[in-house]
Amino acid sequence: MIGRFQHLGVDPFNLASALNAVMAQRLVRVICGACAAKGCAACRGTGYRGRKAIAELMVLNDDIKELIATRAPARKLKEAARAAGNRKTCGMPPSALCSGAKPPPKRSTVSTSSSS
């Protein structure tokens, strides 16, 4: 994300001073409660019913802001984030896994679906 702003010509110092946090989000499908992913009329045979948004929030401390302002490599930013208490969740937080959510398949087009 930071590299994209730098590519647009945004000054790293101004970017770092303007940011308070960075949020990553992902849309996941929810397994149908009526058929437990086997396919039924309620889920139109897909095994999924609705979607949930999950997100991770990284609040920026002074150390991370300084690394952004000095154009530090992504590796150093990740190390500072972990030192500040942020964990790597491999894309899925435990709460989403426990609720039966699964990541949707990767598609080249965006589709909308209503939640149940």
N, C-alpha and C. Protein backbone atom coordinates (compact mmCIF):
# COMPACT_ATOMS: atom_id res chain seq x y z
N MET A 1 0.82 -1.18 0.00
CA MET A 1 0.00 0.00 0.00
C MET A 1 0.87 1.26 0.00
N ILE A 2 1.90 1.24 0.78
CA ILE A 2 2.78 2.41 0.87
C ILE A 2 3.49 2.65 -0.45
N GLY A 3 3.92 1.57 -1.09
CA GLY A 3 4.57 1.69 -2.39
C GLY A 3 3.67 2.32 -3.43
N ARG A 4 2.38 2.04 -3.36
CA ARG A 4 1.44 2.64 -4.32
C ARG A 4 1.37 4.15 -4.14
N PHE A 5 1.35 4.60 -2.89
CA PHE A 5 1.33 6.04 -2.66
C PHE A 5 2.62 6.69 -3.12
N GLN A 6 3.75 6.04 -2.90
CA GLN A 6 5.03 6.58 -3.34
C GLN A 6 5.07 6.66 -4.86
N HIS A 7 4.50 5.65 -5.53
CA HIS A 7 4.44 5.66 -6.99
C HIS A 7 3.60 6.82 -7.50
N LEU A 8 2.59 7.22 -6.73
CA LEU A 8 1.75 8.36 -7.10
C LEU A 8 2.41 9.69 -6.78
N GLY A 9 3.57 9.66 -6.15
CA GLY A 9 4.28 10.89 -5.85
C GLY A 9 3.98 11.50 -4.49
N VAL A 10 3.32 10.75 -3.61
CA VAL A 10 3.03 11.26 -2.27
C VAL A 10 4.30 11.20 -1.44
N ASP A 11 4.62 12.28 -0.78
CA ASP A 11 5.81 12.36 0.06
C ASP A 11 5.67 11.40 1.25
N PRO A 12 6.65 10.52 1.49
CA PRO A 12 6.55 9.54 2.58
C PRO A 12 6.34 10.18 3.95
N PHE A 13 6.96 11.33 4.20
CA PHE A 13 6.78 11.99 5.50
C PHE A 13 5.33 12.42 5.68
N ASN A 14 4.74 13.02 4.64
CA ASN A 14 3.34 13.44 4.73
C ASN A 14 2.41 12.24 4.86
N LEU A 15 2.71 11.16 4.17
CA LEU A 15 1.91 9.96 4.27
C LEU A 15 1.96 9.41 5.69
N ALA A 16 3.15 9.29 6.24
CA ALA A 16 3.30 8.75 7.60
C ALA A 16 2.60 9.61 8.63
N SER A 17 2.66 10.93 8.47
CA SER A 17 2.01 11.79 9.46
C SER A 17 0.50 11.79 9.32
N ALA A 18 -0.02 11.44 8.13
CA ALA A 18 -1.47 11.43 7.93
C ALA A 18 -2.11 10.10 8.33
N LEU A 19 -1.34 9.01 8.33
CA LEU A 19 -1.90 7.70 8.66
C LEU A 19 -1.97 7.47 10.16
N ASN A 20 -3.09 6.91 10.60
CA ASN A 20 -3.23 6.48 11.99
C ASN A 20 -3.25 4.96 12.08
N ALA A 21 -3.78 4.34 11.03
CA ALA A 21 -3.90 2.88 11.01
C ALA A 21 -4.04 2.42 9.56
N VAL A 22 -3.83 1.12 9.37
CA VAL A 22 -4.01 0.49 8.07
C VAL A 22 -4.91 -0.72 8.28
N MET A 23 -5.94 -0.84 7.44
CA MET A 23 -6.86 -1.97 7.55
C MET A 23 -6.79 -2.83 6.30
N ALA A 24 -6.68 -4.13 6.51
CA ALA A 24 -6.75 -5.10 5.41
C ALA A 24 -8.07 -5.84 5.57
N GLN A 25 -8.78 -6.00 4.47
CA GLN A 25 -10.07 -6.68 4.58
C GLN A 25 -10.20 -7.77 3.53
N ARG A 26 -11.09 -8.71 3.83
CA ARG A 26 -11.30 -9.84 2.94
C ARG A 26 -12.75 -10.28 3.06
N LEU A 27 -13.32 -10.69 1.95
CA LEU A 27 -14.69 -11.17 1.91
C LEU A 27 -14.65 -12.69 1.89
N VAL A 28 -15.39 -13.34 2.80
CA VAL A 28 -15.40 -14.80 2.88
C VAL A 28 -16.82 -15.32 2.75
N ARG A 29 -16.95 -16.51 2.16
CA ARG A 29 -18.25 -17.16 2.07
C ARG A 29 -18.54 -17.88 3.38
N VAL A 30 -19.83 -18.01 3.72
CA VAL A 30 -20.24 -18.69 4.93
C VAL A 30 -20.89 -20.01 4.53
N ILE A 31 -20.48 -21.09 5.18
CA ILE A 31 -21.03 -22.41 4.90
C ILE A 31 -22.51 -22.42 5.29
N CYS A 32 -23.33 -22.99 4.42
CA CYS A 32 -24.77 -23.07 4.64
C CYS A 32 -25.06 -23.85 5.92
N GLY A 33 -25.86 -23.27 6.81
CA GLY A 33 -26.21 -23.93 8.06
C GLY A 33 -27.24 -25.03 7.88
N ALA A 34 -28.01 -24.98 6.79
CA ALA A 34 -29.05 -25.99 6.57
C ALA A 34 -28.48 -27.31 6.07
N CYS A 35 -27.41 -27.26 5.28
CA CYS A 35 -26.89 -28.51 4.69
C CYS A 35 -25.42 -28.77 5.01
N ALA A 36 -24.77 -27.89 5.72
CA ALA A 36 -23.36 -28.03 6.07
C ALA A 36 -22.48 -28.28 4.85
N ALA A 37 -22.65 -27.47 3.82
CA ALA A 37 -21.82 -27.45 2.61
C ALA A 37 -22.07 -28.62 1.66
N LYS A 38 -23.18 -29.33 1.84
CA LYS A 38 -23.48 -30.44 0.92
C LYS A 38 -24.34 -29.99 -0.25
N GLY A 39 -25.01 -28.86 -0.13
CA GLY A 39 -25.87 -28.36 -1.20
C GLY A 39 -27.33 -28.66 -0.93
N CYS A 40 -28.15 -27.62 -0.95
CA CYS A 40 -29.59 -27.79 -0.71
C CYS A 40 -30.33 -26.66 -1.41
N ALA A 41 -31.65 -26.63 -1.26
CA ALA A 41 -32.44 -25.58 -1.90
C ALA A 41 -32.16 -24.21 -1.29
N ALA A 42 -31.88 -24.18 0.01
CA ALA A 42 -31.64 -22.90 0.69
C ALA A 42 -30.41 -22.18 0.14
N CYS A 43 -29.39 -22.95 -0.26
CA CYS A 43 -28.16 -22.34 -0.78
C CYS A 43 -28.03 -22.53 -2.29
N ARG A 44 -29.11 -22.99 -2.92
CA ARG A 44 -29.15 -23.25 -4.36
C ARG A 44 -28.05 -24.21 -4.82
N GLY A 45 -27.78 -25.20 -3.96
CA GLY A 45 -26.84 -26.25 -4.31
C GLY A 45 -25.38 -25.88 -4.21
N THR A 46 -25.07 -24.68 -3.73
CA THR A 46 -23.66 -24.25 -3.68
C THR A 46 -22.94 -24.70 -2.41
N GLY A 47 -23.67 -24.92 -1.33
CA GLY A 47 -23.05 -25.25 -0.05
C GLY A 47 -22.68 -24.03 0.77
N TYR A 48 -22.91 -22.84 0.21
CA TYR A 48 -22.59 -21.59 0.91
C TYR A 48 -23.82 -20.71 0.96
N ARG A 49 -23.94 -19.93 2.02
CA ARG A 49 -25.08 -19.02 2.15
C ARG A 49 -24.60 -17.70 2.71
N GLY A 50 -24.49 -16.70 1.87
CA GLY A 50 -24.08 -15.37 2.30
C GLY A 50 -22.57 -15.21 2.38
N ARG A 51 -22.17 -14.02 2.73
CA ARG A 51 -20.75 -13.69 2.87
C ARG A 51 -20.56 -12.83 4.12
N LYS A 52 -19.34 -12.86 4.63
CA LYS A 52 -18.96 -12.02 5.77
C LYS A 52 -17.69 -11.27 5.41
N ALA A 53 -17.58 -10.07 5.92
CA ALA A 53 -16.34 -9.30 5.77
C ALA A 53 -15.52 -9.50 7.03
N ILE A 54 -14.24 -9.81 6.86
CA ILE A 54 -13.32 -9.88 7.99
C ILE A 54 -12.23 -8.86 7.75
N ALA A 55 -11.67 -8.34 8.81
CA ALA A 55 -10.66 -7.29 8.66
C ALA A 55 -9.61 -7.41 9.75
N GLU A 56 -8.43 -6.94 9.41
CA GLU A 56 -7.33 -6.82 10.38
C GLU A 56 -6.94 -5.35 10.42
N LEU A 57 -6.73 -4.84 11.60
CA LEU A 57 -6.36 -3.44 11.77
C LEU A 57 -4.98 -3.34 12.40
N MET A 58 -4.11 -2.55 11.78
CA MET A 58 -2.79 -2.30 12.35
C MET A 58 -2.71 -0.81 12.68
N VAL A 59 -2.69 -0.51 13.97
CA VAL A 59 -2.54 0.86 14.41
C VAL A 59 -1.06 1.21 14.34
N LEU A 60 -0.76 2.36 13.72
CA LEU A 60 0.64 2.75 13.52
C LEU A 60 1.19 3.47 14.74
N ASN A 61 2.31 2.97 15.25
CA ASN A 61 2.98 3.67 16.35
C ASN A 61 4.08 4.56 15.75
N ASP A 62 4.79 5.27 16.60
CA ASP A 62 5.82 6.20 16.12
C ASP A 62 6.95 5.49 15.37
N ASP A 63 7.31 4.28 15.81
CA ASP A 63 8.39 3.53 15.14
C ASP A 63 8.00 3.18 13.70
N ILE A 64 6.78 2.71 13.52
CA ILE A 64 6.32 2.34 12.17
C ILE A 64 6.20 3.59 11.30
N LYS A 65 5.69 4.68 11.86
CA LYS A 65 5.59 5.92 11.09
C LYS A 65 6.96 6.42 10.64
N GLU A 66 7.95 6.28 11.52
CA GLU A 66 9.31 6.71 11.16
C GLU A 66 9.88 5.84 10.02
N LEU A 67 9.60 4.55 10.08
CA LEU A 67 10.07 3.66 9.01
C LEU A 67 9.41 4.02 7.68
N ILE A 68 8.14 4.38 7.71
CA ILE A 68 7.45 4.79 6.48
C ILE A 68 8.08 6.07 5.94
N ALA A 69 8.31 7.03 6.84
CA ALA A 69 8.86 8.32 6.43
C ALA A 69 10.26 8.20 5.84
N THR A 70 11.01 7.21 6.30
CA THR A 70 12.38 7.04 5.80
C THR A 70 12.47 6.01 4.67
N ARG A 71 11.34 5.59 4.16
CA ARG A 71 11.26 4.62 3.05
C ARG A 71 11.98 3.32 3.36
N ALA A 72 11.78 2.82 4.56
CA ALA A 72 12.39 1.55 4.96
C ALA A 72 11.79 0.41 4.14
N PRO A 73 12.55 -0.68 3.96
CA PRO A 73 12.02 -1.82 3.21
C PRO A 73 10.83 -2.46 3.93
N ALA A 74 9.99 -3.14 3.16
CA ALA A 74 8.79 -3.78 3.70
C ALA A 74 9.14 -4.76 4.81
N ARG A 75 10.27 -5.44 4.69
CA ARG A 75 10.70 -6.39 5.71
C ARG A 75 10.83 -5.71 7.08
N LYS A 76 11.41 -4.51 7.10
CA LYS A 76 11.58 -3.78 8.36
C LYS A 76 10.23 -3.34 8.92
N LEU A 77 9.31 -2.94 8.03
CA LEU A 77 7.97 -2.55 8.48
C LEU A 77 7.25 -3.74 9.11
N LYS A 78 7.37 -4.92 8.49
CA LYS A 78 6.75 -6.12 9.03
C LYS A 78 7.33 -6.48 10.39
N GLU A 79 8.65 -6.37 10.52
CA GLU A 79 9.29 -6.66 11.81
C GLU A 79 8.81 -5.70 12.89
N ALA A 80 8.69 -4.42 12.57
CA ALA A 80 8.23 -3.43 13.54
C ALA A 80 6.77 -3.68 13.91
N ALA A 81 5.96 -4.09 12.94
CA ALA A 81 4.55 -4.38 13.22
C ALA A 81 4.43 -5.57 14.17
N ARG A 82 5.23 -6.61 13.92
CA ARG A 82 5.19 -7.78 14.81
C ARG A 82 5.68 -7.41 16.21
N ALA A 83 6.72 -6.57 16.28
CA ALA A 83 7.23 -6.13 17.58
C ALA A 83 6.20 -5.31 18.34
N ALA A 84 5.32 -4.63 17.60
CA ALA A 84 4.28 -3.81 18.22
C ALA A 84 3.05 -4.64 18.61
N GLY A 85 3.11 -5.96 18.35
CA GLY A 85 2.01 -6.82 18.78
C GLY A 85 1.08 -7.29 17.67
N ASN A 86 1.34 -6.91 16.43
CA ASN A 86 0.51 -7.39 15.32
C ASN A 86 0.96 -8.79 14.96
N ARG A 87 -0.02 -9.70 14.72
CA ARG A 87 0.30 -11.07 14.37
C ARG A 87 -0.06 -11.33 12.91
N LYS A 88 0.65 -12.22 12.31
CA LYS A 88 0.34 -12.69 10.96
C LYS A 88 -0.74 -13.76 11.10
N THR A 89 -1.84 -13.61 10.37
CA THR A 89 -2.93 -14.56 10.51
C THR A 89 -3.12 -15.43 9.28
N CYS A 90 -2.19 -15.38 8.34
CA CYS A 90 -2.28 -16.19 7.12
C CYS A 90 -3.55 -15.89 6.35
N GLY A 91 -4.06 -14.69 6.46
CA GLY A 91 -5.22 -14.29 5.69
C GLY A 91 -6.55 -14.59 6.34
N MET A 92 -6.59 -15.43 7.35
CA MET A 92 -7.85 -15.78 7.99
C MET A 92 -7.70 -15.73 9.51
N PRO A 93 -8.42 -14.85 10.19
CA PRO A 93 -8.34 -14.83 11.65
C PRO A 93 -9.06 -16.05 12.23
N PRO A 94 -8.65 -16.49 13.42
CA PRO A 94 -9.29 -17.67 14.02
C PRO A 94 -10.80 -17.53 14.16
N SER A 95 -11.31 -16.33 14.44
CA SER A 95 -12.76 -16.14 14.59
C SER A 95 -13.50 -16.48 13.30
N ALA A 96 -12.91 -16.17 12.16
CA ALA A 96 -13.56 -16.49 10.88
C ALA A 96 -13.52 -18.00 10.64
N LEU A 97 -12.42 -18.64 10.99
CA LEU A 97 -12.33 -20.07 10.80
C LEU A 97 -13.31 -20.81 11.70
N CYS A 98 -13.49 -20.33 12.93
CA CYS A 98 -14.40 -20.97 13.87
C CYS A 98 -15.86 -20.81 13.45
N SER A 99 -16.18 -19.74 12.73
CA SER A 99 -17.57 -19.50 12.34
C SER A 99 -17.95 -20.25 11.07
N GLY A 100 -17.03 -21.00 10.50
CA GLY A 100 -17.34 -21.75 9.29
C GLY A 100 -17.11 -20.97 8.02
N ALA A 101 -16.47 -19.82 8.11
CA ALA A 101 -16.24 -19.00 6.91
C ALA A 101 -15.07 -19.57 6.13
N LYS A 102 -15.16 -19.49 4.82
CA LYS A 102 -14.08 -19.93 3.92
C LYS A 102 -13.82 -18.83 2.92
N PRO A 103 -12.57 -18.64 2.50
CA PRO A 103 -12.32 -17.60 1.50
C PRO A 103 -12.99 -17.96 0.18
N PRO A 104 -13.56 -16.97 -0.52
CA PRO A 104 -14.18 -17.26 -1.80
C PRO A 104 -13.13 -17.61 -2.84
N PRO A 105 -13.51 -18.32 -3.90
CA PRO A 105 -12.53 -18.62 -4.93
C PRO A 105 -12.08 -17.36 -5.63
N LYS A 106 -10.84 -17.34 -6.11
CA LYS A 106 -10.34 -16.16 -6.81
C LYS A 106 -11.01 -16.07 -8.16
N ARG A 107 -11.53 -14.89 -8.47
CA ARG A 107 -12.19 -14.65 -9.74
C ARG A 107 -11.65 -13.39 -10.36
N SER A 108 -11.77 -13.30 -11.67
CA SER A 108 -11.29 -12.12 -12.36
C SER A 108 -12.33 -11.02 -12.39
N THR A 109 -13.59 -11.36 -12.04
CA THR A 109 -14.65 -10.36 -12.03
C THR A 109 -15.21 -10.23 -10.63
N VAL A 110 -15.84 -9.11 -10.36
CA VAL A 110 -16.42 -8.86 -9.05
C VAL A 110 -17.90 -9.19 -9.14
N SER A 111 -18.38 -9.98 -8.20
CA SER A 111 -19.80 -10.30 -8.17
C SER A 111 -20.36 -9.90 -6.81
N THR A 112 -21.64 -9.63 -6.77
CA THR A 112 -22.27 -9.26 -5.51
C THR A 112 -23.22 -10.36 -5.11
N SER A 113 -23.35 -10.56 -3.82
CA SER A 113 -24.23 -11.59 -3.29
C SER A 113 -24.85 -11.06 -2.03
N SER A 114 -26.09 -11.36 -1.80
CA SER A 114 -26.74 -10.86 -0.60
C SER A 114 -26.49 -11.83 0.54
N SER A 115 -26.39 -11.29 1.74
CA SER A 115 -26.19 -12.11 2.93
C SER A 115 -27.51 -12.62 3.44
N SER A 116 -27.49 -13.73 4.14
CA SER A 116 -28.72 -14.29 4.68
C SER A 116 -29.06 -13.64 6.00
